[in-house]
N, C-alpha and C. Protein backbone atom coordinates (compact mmCIF):
# COMPACT_ATOMS: atom_id res chain seq x y z
N MET A 1 75.44 -20.62 -14.46
CA MET A 1 74.63 -20.40 -13.28
C MET A 1 74.43 -18.90 -13.03
N ARG A 2 75.48 -18.15 -13.25
CA ARG A 2 75.40 -16.71 -13.02
C ARG A 2 74.39 -16.07 -13.98
N HIS A 3 74.38 -16.54 -15.23
CA HIS A 3 73.44 -16.01 -16.22
C HIS A 3 72.01 -16.33 -15.82
N LEU A 4 71.81 -17.50 -15.27
CA LEU A 4 70.47 -17.90 -14.83
C LEU A 4 69.99 -17.01 -13.68
N SER A 5 70.88 -16.69 -12.76
CA SER A 5 70.53 -15.80 -11.65
C SER A 5 70.17 -14.41 -12.16
N CYS A 6 70.93 -13.90 -13.11
CA CYS A 6 70.62 -12.58 -13.69
C CYS A 6 69.28 -12.60 -14.39
N PHE A 7 68.99 -13.70 -15.09
CA PHE A 7 67.71 -13.83 -15.78
C PHE A 7 66.56 -13.72 -14.78
N PHE A 8 66.65 -14.44 -13.67
CA PHE A 8 65.56 -14.42 -12.69
C PHE A 8 65.42 -13.06 -12.01
N ILE A 9 66.50 -12.37 -11.79
CA ILE A 9 66.43 -11.03 -11.20
C ILE A 9 65.73 -10.08 -12.17
N ILE A 10 66.14 -10.10 -13.42
CA ILE A 10 65.51 -9.22 -14.43
C ILE A 10 64.05 -9.58 -14.61
N TRP A 11 63.74 -10.87 -14.68
CA TRP A 11 62.37 -11.31 -14.84
C TRP A 11 61.52 -10.86 -13.64
N GLY A 12 62.04 -11.01 -12.45
CA GLY A 12 61.31 -10.63 -11.25
C GLY A 12 61.01 -9.14 -11.20
N VAL A 13 61.98 -8.32 -11.56
CA VAL A 13 61.79 -6.88 -11.56
C VAL A 13 60.74 -6.48 -12.60
N SER A 14 60.83 -7.06 -13.79
CA SER A 14 59.86 -6.69 -14.83
C SER A 14 58.48 -7.24 -14.51
N PHE A 15 58.39 -8.43 -13.95
CA PHE A 15 57.10 -9.04 -13.63
C PHE A 15 56.41 -8.31 -12.49
N TRP A 16 57.12 -8.01 -11.44
CA TRP A 16 56.52 -7.38 -10.27
C TRP A 16 56.49 -5.87 -10.35
N GLY A 17 57.11 -5.28 -11.34
CA GLY A 17 57.15 -3.82 -11.48
C GLY A 17 55.78 -3.21 -11.57
N THR A 18 54.84 -3.89 -12.25
CA THR A 18 53.50 -3.33 -12.38
C THR A 18 52.74 -3.36 -11.07
N ALA A 19 53.12 -4.19 -10.16
CA ALA A 19 52.41 -4.29 -8.88
C ALA A 19 52.73 -3.12 -7.96
N TRP A 20 53.74 -2.33 -8.28
CA TRP A 20 54.15 -1.25 -7.41
C TRP A 20 53.35 0.02 -7.62
N VAL A 21 52.48 0.06 -8.59
CA VAL A 21 51.63 1.22 -8.81
C VAL A 21 50.42 1.10 -7.90
N HIS A 22 50.09 2.17 -7.20
CA HIS A 22 48.95 2.18 -6.29
C HIS A 22 47.96 3.24 -6.74
N ALA A 23 46.81 3.25 -6.10
CA ALA A 23 45.77 4.22 -6.44
C ALA A 23 46.28 5.66 -6.32
N ALA A 24 47.21 5.89 -5.40
CA ALA A 24 47.76 7.24 -5.24
C ALA A 24 48.58 7.65 -6.46
N ASP A 25 48.95 6.68 -7.29
CA ASP A 25 49.75 6.95 -8.47
C ASP A 25 48.91 7.17 -9.72
N LEU A 26 47.60 7.38 -9.53
CA LEU A 26 46.74 7.64 -10.68
C LEU A 26 45.71 8.70 -10.34
N LYS A 27 45.11 9.26 -11.39
CA LYS A 27 44.07 10.28 -11.23
C LYS A 27 42.83 9.82 -11.98
N VAL A 28 41.67 10.06 -11.39
CA VAL A 28 40.40 9.80 -12.07
C VAL A 28 40.01 11.13 -12.71
N ILE A 29 39.73 11.09 -14.02
CA ILE A 29 39.41 12.31 -14.75
C ILE A 29 38.02 12.21 -15.37
N ALA A 30 37.44 13.36 -15.65
CA ALA A 30 36.10 13.40 -16.26
C ALA A 30 35.99 14.58 -17.20
N ASN A 31 35.06 14.47 -18.12
CA ASN A 31 34.73 15.57 -19.03
C ASN A 31 34.15 16.71 -18.20
N SER A 32 34.32 17.92 -18.65
CA SER A 32 33.84 19.09 -17.91
C SER A 32 32.32 19.11 -17.76
N SER A 33 31.59 18.32 -18.55
CA SER A 33 30.13 18.25 -18.42
C SER A 33 29.69 17.52 -17.15
N VAL A 34 30.59 16.76 -16.54
CA VAL A 34 30.28 16.05 -15.30
C VAL A 34 30.31 17.07 -14.17
N ALA A 35 29.19 17.24 -13.51
CA ALA A 35 29.07 18.27 -12.48
C ALA A 35 29.85 17.95 -11.20
N ALA A 36 30.01 16.70 -10.90
CA ALA A 36 30.65 16.29 -9.65
C ALA A 36 32.12 16.69 -9.61
N SER A 37 32.60 16.97 -8.40
CA SER A 37 34.02 17.22 -8.21
C SER A 37 34.67 16.05 -7.46
N SER A 38 33.81 15.16 -6.95
CA SER A 38 34.31 13.96 -6.29
C SER A 38 33.35 12.81 -6.60
N VAL A 39 33.83 11.62 -6.37
CA VAL A 39 33.06 10.41 -6.62
C VAL A 39 33.43 9.40 -5.54
N SER A 40 32.47 8.63 -5.08
CA SER A 40 32.79 7.60 -4.09
C SER A 40 33.40 6.40 -4.81
N ALA A 41 34.16 5.63 -4.07
CA ALA A 41 34.76 4.43 -4.64
C ALA A 41 33.66 3.47 -5.12
N ASP A 42 32.54 3.40 -4.40
CA ASP A 42 31.44 2.53 -4.81
C ASP A 42 30.81 3.01 -6.11
N GLU A 43 30.62 4.32 -6.26
CA GLU A 43 30.08 4.86 -7.51
C GLU A 43 31.01 4.53 -8.68
N LEU A 44 32.30 4.73 -8.46
CA LEU A 44 33.28 4.47 -9.49
C LEU A 44 33.24 3.00 -9.91
N LYS A 45 33.17 2.13 -8.94
CA LYS A 45 33.09 0.70 -9.23
C LYS A 45 31.83 0.40 -10.04
N GLY A 46 30.70 0.97 -9.65
CA GLY A 46 29.45 0.75 -10.36
C GLY A 46 29.50 1.24 -11.79
N VAL A 47 30.12 2.38 -12.01
CA VAL A 47 30.24 2.93 -13.37
C VAL A 47 31.07 2.00 -14.24
N PHE A 48 32.20 1.54 -13.72
CA PHE A 48 33.09 0.71 -14.53
C PHE A 48 32.63 -0.74 -14.63
N LEU A 49 31.68 -1.16 -13.78
CA LEU A 49 31.11 -2.50 -13.92
C LEU A 49 29.75 -2.46 -14.62
N ALA A 50 29.38 -1.29 -15.12
CA ALA A 50 28.14 -1.09 -15.89
C ALA A 50 26.88 -1.35 -15.08
N THR A 51 26.95 -1.13 -13.77
CA THR A 51 25.74 -1.22 -12.94
C THR A 51 25.18 0.16 -12.65
N LYS A 52 25.95 1.20 -12.98
CA LYS A 52 25.51 2.59 -12.84
C LYS A 52 25.83 3.33 -14.13
N THR A 53 24.92 4.20 -14.54
CA THR A 53 25.19 5.02 -15.72
C THR A 53 25.25 6.50 -15.36
N SER A 54 25.03 6.81 -14.08
CA SER A 54 25.14 8.20 -13.65
C SER A 54 25.68 8.26 -12.23
N LEU A 55 26.21 9.41 -11.88
CA LEU A 55 26.74 9.63 -10.54
C LEU A 55 25.61 10.14 -9.64
N SER A 56 25.87 10.24 -8.35
CA SER A 56 24.84 10.66 -7.40
C SER A 56 24.32 12.07 -7.67
N ASP A 57 25.11 12.90 -8.37
CA ASP A 57 24.65 14.25 -8.70
C ASP A 57 23.78 14.27 -9.96
N GLY A 58 23.55 13.11 -10.57
CA GLY A 58 22.71 13.01 -11.76
C GLY A 58 23.48 13.08 -13.07
N SER A 59 24.78 13.31 -13.02
CA SER A 59 25.58 13.38 -14.24
C SER A 59 25.66 12.01 -14.89
N HIS A 60 25.26 11.93 -16.17
CA HIS A 60 25.39 10.70 -16.94
C HIS A 60 26.87 10.52 -17.28
N VAL A 61 27.39 9.33 -17.11
CA VAL A 61 28.81 9.08 -17.37
C VAL A 61 29.02 7.87 -18.27
N GLU A 62 30.13 7.90 -18.99
CA GLU A 62 30.57 6.83 -19.88
C GLU A 62 31.98 6.42 -19.47
N PRO A 63 32.18 5.19 -19.01
CA PRO A 63 33.52 4.77 -18.60
C PRO A 63 34.45 4.59 -19.80
N VAL A 64 35.70 4.97 -19.60
CA VAL A 64 36.73 4.83 -20.62
C VAL A 64 37.94 4.18 -19.96
N LEU A 65 38.54 3.22 -20.63
CA LEU A 65 39.65 2.45 -20.08
C LEU A 65 40.96 2.70 -20.81
N LEU A 66 42.06 2.42 -20.13
CA LEU A 66 43.34 2.28 -20.80
C LEU A 66 43.42 0.83 -21.25
N LYS A 67 44.14 0.56 -22.33
CA LYS A 67 44.23 -0.80 -22.87
C LYS A 67 45.04 -1.74 -21.99
N GLY A 68 45.93 -1.20 -21.21
CA GLY A 68 46.76 -2.05 -20.36
C GLY A 68 47.80 -1.21 -19.64
N GLY A 69 48.71 -1.87 -18.96
CA GLY A 69 49.79 -1.18 -18.26
C GLY A 69 49.55 -1.10 -16.77
N ALA A 70 50.54 -0.54 -16.09
CA ALA A 70 50.52 -0.48 -14.63
C ALA A 70 49.37 0.36 -14.09
N THR A 71 49.08 1.49 -14.74
CA THR A 71 47.99 2.35 -14.27
C THR A 71 46.65 1.63 -14.40
N HIS A 72 46.46 0.96 -15.53
CA HIS A 72 45.23 0.20 -15.77
C HIS A 72 45.06 -0.90 -14.71
N GLU A 73 46.11 -1.65 -14.49
CA GLU A 73 46.07 -2.75 -13.50
C GLU A 73 45.76 -2.21 -12.10
N ALA A 74 46.41 -1.10 -11.73
CA ALA A 74 46.20 -0.51 -10.40
C ALA A 74 44.76 -0.02 -10.25
N PHE A 75 44.23 0.64 -11.29
CA PHE A 75 42.86 1.12 -11.24
C PHE A 75 41.88 -0.03 -11.05
N LEU A 76 42.02 -1.07 -11.86
CA LEU A 76 41.10 -2.20 -11.76
C LEU A 76 41.18 -2.87 -10.39
N LYS A 77 42.39 -3.04 -9.91
CA LYS A 77 42.57 -3.69 -8.60
C LYS A 77 41.99 -2.85 -7.48
N GLU A 78 42.33 -1.57 -7.46
CA GLU A 78 41.96 -0.69 -6.35
C GLU A 78 40.48 -0.29 -6.35
N TYR A 79 39.96 0.06 -7.51
CA TYR A 79 38.61 0.62 -7.56
C TYR A 79 37.54 -0.32 -8.09
N VAL A 80 37.91 -1.30 -8.90
CA VAL A 80 36.93 -2.21 -9.47
C VAL A 80 36.97 -3.57 -8.76
N GLY A 81 38.10 -3.89 -8.17
CA GLY A 81 38.22 -5.14 -7.43
C GLY A 81 38.40 -6.35 -8.33
N LYS A 82 38.96 -6.14 -9.52
CA LYS A 82 39.17 -7.25 -10.45
C LYS A 82 40.54 -7.14 -11.11
N THR A 83 41.04 -8.27 -11.56
CA THR A 83 42.23 -8.28 -12.40
C THR A 83 41.79 -7.94 -13.82
N ASP A 84 42.73 -7.67 -14.69
CA ASP A 84 42.39 -7.35 -16.07
C ASP A 84 41.65 -8.51 -16.73
N SER A 85 42.12 -9.73 -16.53
CA SER A 85 41.46 -10.88 -17.16
C SER A 85 40.06 -11.10 -16.58
N ALA A 86 39.88 -10.92 -15.29
CA ALA A 86 38.55 -11.07 -14.68
C ALA A 86 37.61 -9.97 -15.18
N PHE A 87 38.14 -8.77 -15.36
CA PHE A 87 37.34 -7.66 -15.87
C PHE A 87 36.89 -7.94 -17.30
N GLU A 88 37.80 -8.42 -18.14
CA GLU A 88 37.45 -8.75 -19.52
C GLU A 88 36.40 -9.87 -19.57
N THR A 89 36.57 -10.86 -18.74
CA THR A 89 35.59 -11.96 -18.69
C THR A 89 34.23 -11.44 -18.26
N TYR A 90 34.21 -10.57 -17.27
CA TYR A 90 32.97 -9.96 -16.79
C TYR A 90 32.26 -9.23 -17.92
N TYR A 91 33.02 -8.40 -18.65
CA TYR A 91 32.41 -7.63 -19.74
C TYR A 91 31.98 -8.52 -20.90
N ARG A 92 32.74 -9.56 -21.17
CA ARG A 92 32.32 -10.48 -22.24
C ARG A 92 30.95 -11.07 -21.95
N SER A 93 30.71 -11.41 -20.68
CA SER A 93 29.40 -11.97 -20.33
C SER A 93 28.30 -10.93 -20.48
N LEU A 94 28.59 -9.66 -20.14
CA LEU A 94 27.60 -8.60 -20.32
C LEU A 94 27.30 -8.38 -21.80
N VAL A 95 28.34 -8.38 -22.61
CA VAL A 95 28.17 -8.18 -24.05
C VAL A 95 27.39 -9.35 -24.64
N PHE A 96 27.75 -10.57 -24.25
CA PHE A 96 27.09 -11.77 -24.78
C PHE A 96 25.60 -11.78 -24.47
N THR A 97 25.23 -11.31 -23.28
CA THR A 97 23.82 -11.30 -22.89
C THR A 97 23.10 -10.03 -23.33
N GLY A 98 23.81 -9.11 -23.96
CA GLY A 98 23.20 -7.88 -24.45
C GLY A 98 22.95 -6.83 -23.38
N LYS A 99 23.57 -6.98 -22.22
CA LYS A 99 23.36 -6.04 -21.12
C LYS A 99 24.25 -4.81 -21.19
N ALA A 100 25.34 -4.90 -21.95
CA ALA A 100 26.27 -3.77 -22.05
C ALA A 100 27.17 -3.98 -23.26
N SER A 101 27.89 -2.94 -23.62
CA SER A 101 28.92 -3.06 -24.65
C SER A 101 30.26 -2.73 -23.99
N MET A 102 31.33 -3.20 -24.59
CA MET A 102 32.66 -2.95 -24.03
C MET A 102 32.94 -1.46 -24.00
N PRO A 103 33.50 -0.97 -22.91
CA PRO A 103 33.88 0.45 -22.86
C PRO A 103 35.00 0.74 -23.87
N LYS A 104 35.09 1.97 -24.28
CA LYS A 104 36.18 2.42 -25.15
C LYS A 104 37.48 2.20 -24.41
N ALA A 105 38.49 1.67 -25.11
CA ALA A 105 39.81 1.44 -24.51
C ALA A 105 40.85 2.19 -25.33
N LEU A 106 41.68 2.95 -24.66
CA LEU A 106 42.67 3.82 -25.31
C LEU A 106 44.09 3.41 -24.93
N ALA A 107 45.03 3.72 -25.81
CA ALA A 107 46.40 3.22 -25.67
C ALA A 107 47.28 3.99 -24.68
N SER A 108 46.99 5.27 -24.45
CA SER A 108 47.92 6.06 -23.63
C SER A 108 47.18 7.10 -22.79
N ASP A 109 47.90 7.67 -21.84
CA ASP A 109 47.34 8.75 -21.03
C ASP A 109 46.91 9.92 -21.91
N GLY A 110 47.73 10.25 -22.89
CA GLY A 110 47.40 11.36 -23.79
C GLY A 110 46.12 11.10 -24.57
N ASP A 111 45.98 9.87 -25.07
CA ASP A 111 44.75 9.50 -25.78
C ASP A 111 43.55 9.59 -24.85
N MET A 112 43.74 9.14 -23.61
CA MET A 112 42.65 9.16 -22.63
C MET A 112 42.22 10.60 -22.35
N VAL A 113 43.16 11.47 -22.09
CA VAL A 113 42.84 12.88 -21.80
C VAL A 113 42.13 13.51 -22.99
N GLY A 114 42.63 13.27 -24.19
CA GLY A 114 42.01 13.83 -25.38
C GLY A 114 40.58 13.36 -25.59
N TYR A 115 40.35 12.06 -25.40
CA TYR A 115 39.02 11.50 -25.58
C TYR A 115 38.05 12.02 -24.52
N VAL A 116 38.50 12.01 -23.26
CA VAL A 116 37.64 12.47 -22.17
C VAL A 116 37.31 13.95 -22.35
N ALA A 117 38.28 14.74 -22.79
CA ALA A 117 38.06 16.18 -22.98
C ALA A 117 36.97 16.46 -24.01
N LYS A 118 36.88 15.65 -25.05
CA LYS A 118 35.93 15.93 -26.13
C LYS A 118 34.63 15.13 -26.05
N THR A 119 34.51 14.21 -25.08
CA THR A 119 33.35 13.33 -25.01
C THR A 119 32.50 13.62 -23.78
N LYS A 120 31.31 14.14 -24.01
CA LYS A 120 30.41 14.49 -22.91
C LYS A 120 30.16 13.27 -22.02
N GLY A 121 30.35 13.46 -20.72
CA GLY A 121 30.09 12.42 -19.74
C GLY A 121 31.19 11.39 -19.56
N ALA A 122 32.27 11.50 -20.32
CA ALA A 122 33.35 10.50 -20.22
C ALA A 122 34.05 10.59 -18.88
N ILE A 123 34.39 9.42 -18.35
CA ILE A 123 35.14 9.33 -17.09
C ILE A 123 36.19 8.24 -17.27
N GLY A 124 37.42 8.55 -16.88
CA GLY A 124 38.51 7.61 -17.05
C GLY A 124 39.58 7.81 -16.00
N TYR A 125 40.78 7.36 -16.27
CA TYR A 125 41.88 7.45 -15.32
C TYR A 125 43.19 7.54 -16.08
N VAL A 126 44.15 8.19 -15.48
CA VAL A 126 45.50 8.34 -16.04
C VAL A 126 46.51 8.24 -14.92
N SER A 127 47.77 8.12 -15.28
CA SER A 127 48.82 8.09 -14.26
C SER A 127 48.88 9.46 -13.59
N ALA A 128 49.36 9.49 -12.36
CA ALA A 128 49.38 10.72 -11.56
C ALA A 128 50.18 11.84 -12.22
N GLY A 129 51.19 11.51 -13.01
CA GLY A 129 52.02 12.52 -13.62
C GLY A 129 51.53 13.01 -14.98
N ALA A 130 50.42 12.48 -15.44
CA ALA A 130 49.92 12.85 -16.77
C ALA A 130 49.38 14.28 -16.78
N ALA A 131 49.60 14.98 -17.90
CA ALA A 131 49.02 16.31 -18.09
C ALA A 131 47.52 16.14 -18.32
N THR A 132 46.72 16.92 -17.62
CA THR A 132 45.27 16.75 -17.70
C THR A 132 44.55 18.03 -18.11
N ALA A 133 45.17 18.84 -18.95
CA ALA A 133 44.54 20.06 -19.43
C ALA A 133 43.29 19.70 -20.23
N GLY A 134 42.21 20.41 -19.94
CA GLY A 134 40.97 20.20 -20.68
C GLY A 134 40.00 19.24 -20.02
N VAL A 135 40.41 18.60 -18.93
CA VAL A 135 39.52 17.70 -18.19
C VAL A 135 39.55 18.07 -16.72
N LYS A 136 38.60 17.55 -15.97
CA LYS A 136 38.62 17.80 -14.53
C LYS A 136 39.08 16.53 -13.81
N THR A 137 39.77 16.72 -12.72
CA THR A 137 40.22 15.60 -11.90
C THR A 137 39.21 15.42 -10.77
N LEU A 138 38.73 14.20 -10.60
CA LEU A 138 37.77 13.90 -9.56
C LEU A 138 38.47 13.31 -8.34
N GLU A 139 38.08 13.79 -7.19
CA GLU A 139 38.58 13.20 -5.94
C GLU A 139 37.79 11.93 -5.69
N VAL A 140 38.45 10.85 -5.33
CA VAL A 140 37.78 9.59 -4.99
C VAL A 140 37.72 9.48 -3.49
N LYS A 141 36.49 9.36 -2.98
CA LYS A 141 36.29 9.30 -1.52
C LYS A 141 36.00 7.88 -1.09
């Protein structure tokens, strides 16, 4: 019985651990070619749902995702309003109908920063503690 209790405690901590990341625990980053220094939550949602291809300042943007993890889940929940599975289903329907292609997905914060730094118009997100040399951090309003 004691082993079963320990199992459920460990399972609960690992299962709910990803839910503890909030929008304040991540940064939205962009390539230096993006003129904006801030972006509205609605603009960000539109970019990542492929309903917008540019920001209000006219900067063309390309959304870039993390493949998974707490930061990815928090970003989708807070700014896109979808779970990871709902987001994937949404994009599959866009791809199937020829309306969009899947955004580039990267494995780590470091990969994200590197890709965004070298890709004109790229916009993505990383954990708040990630080093972001070579990219600009956008304020989300």
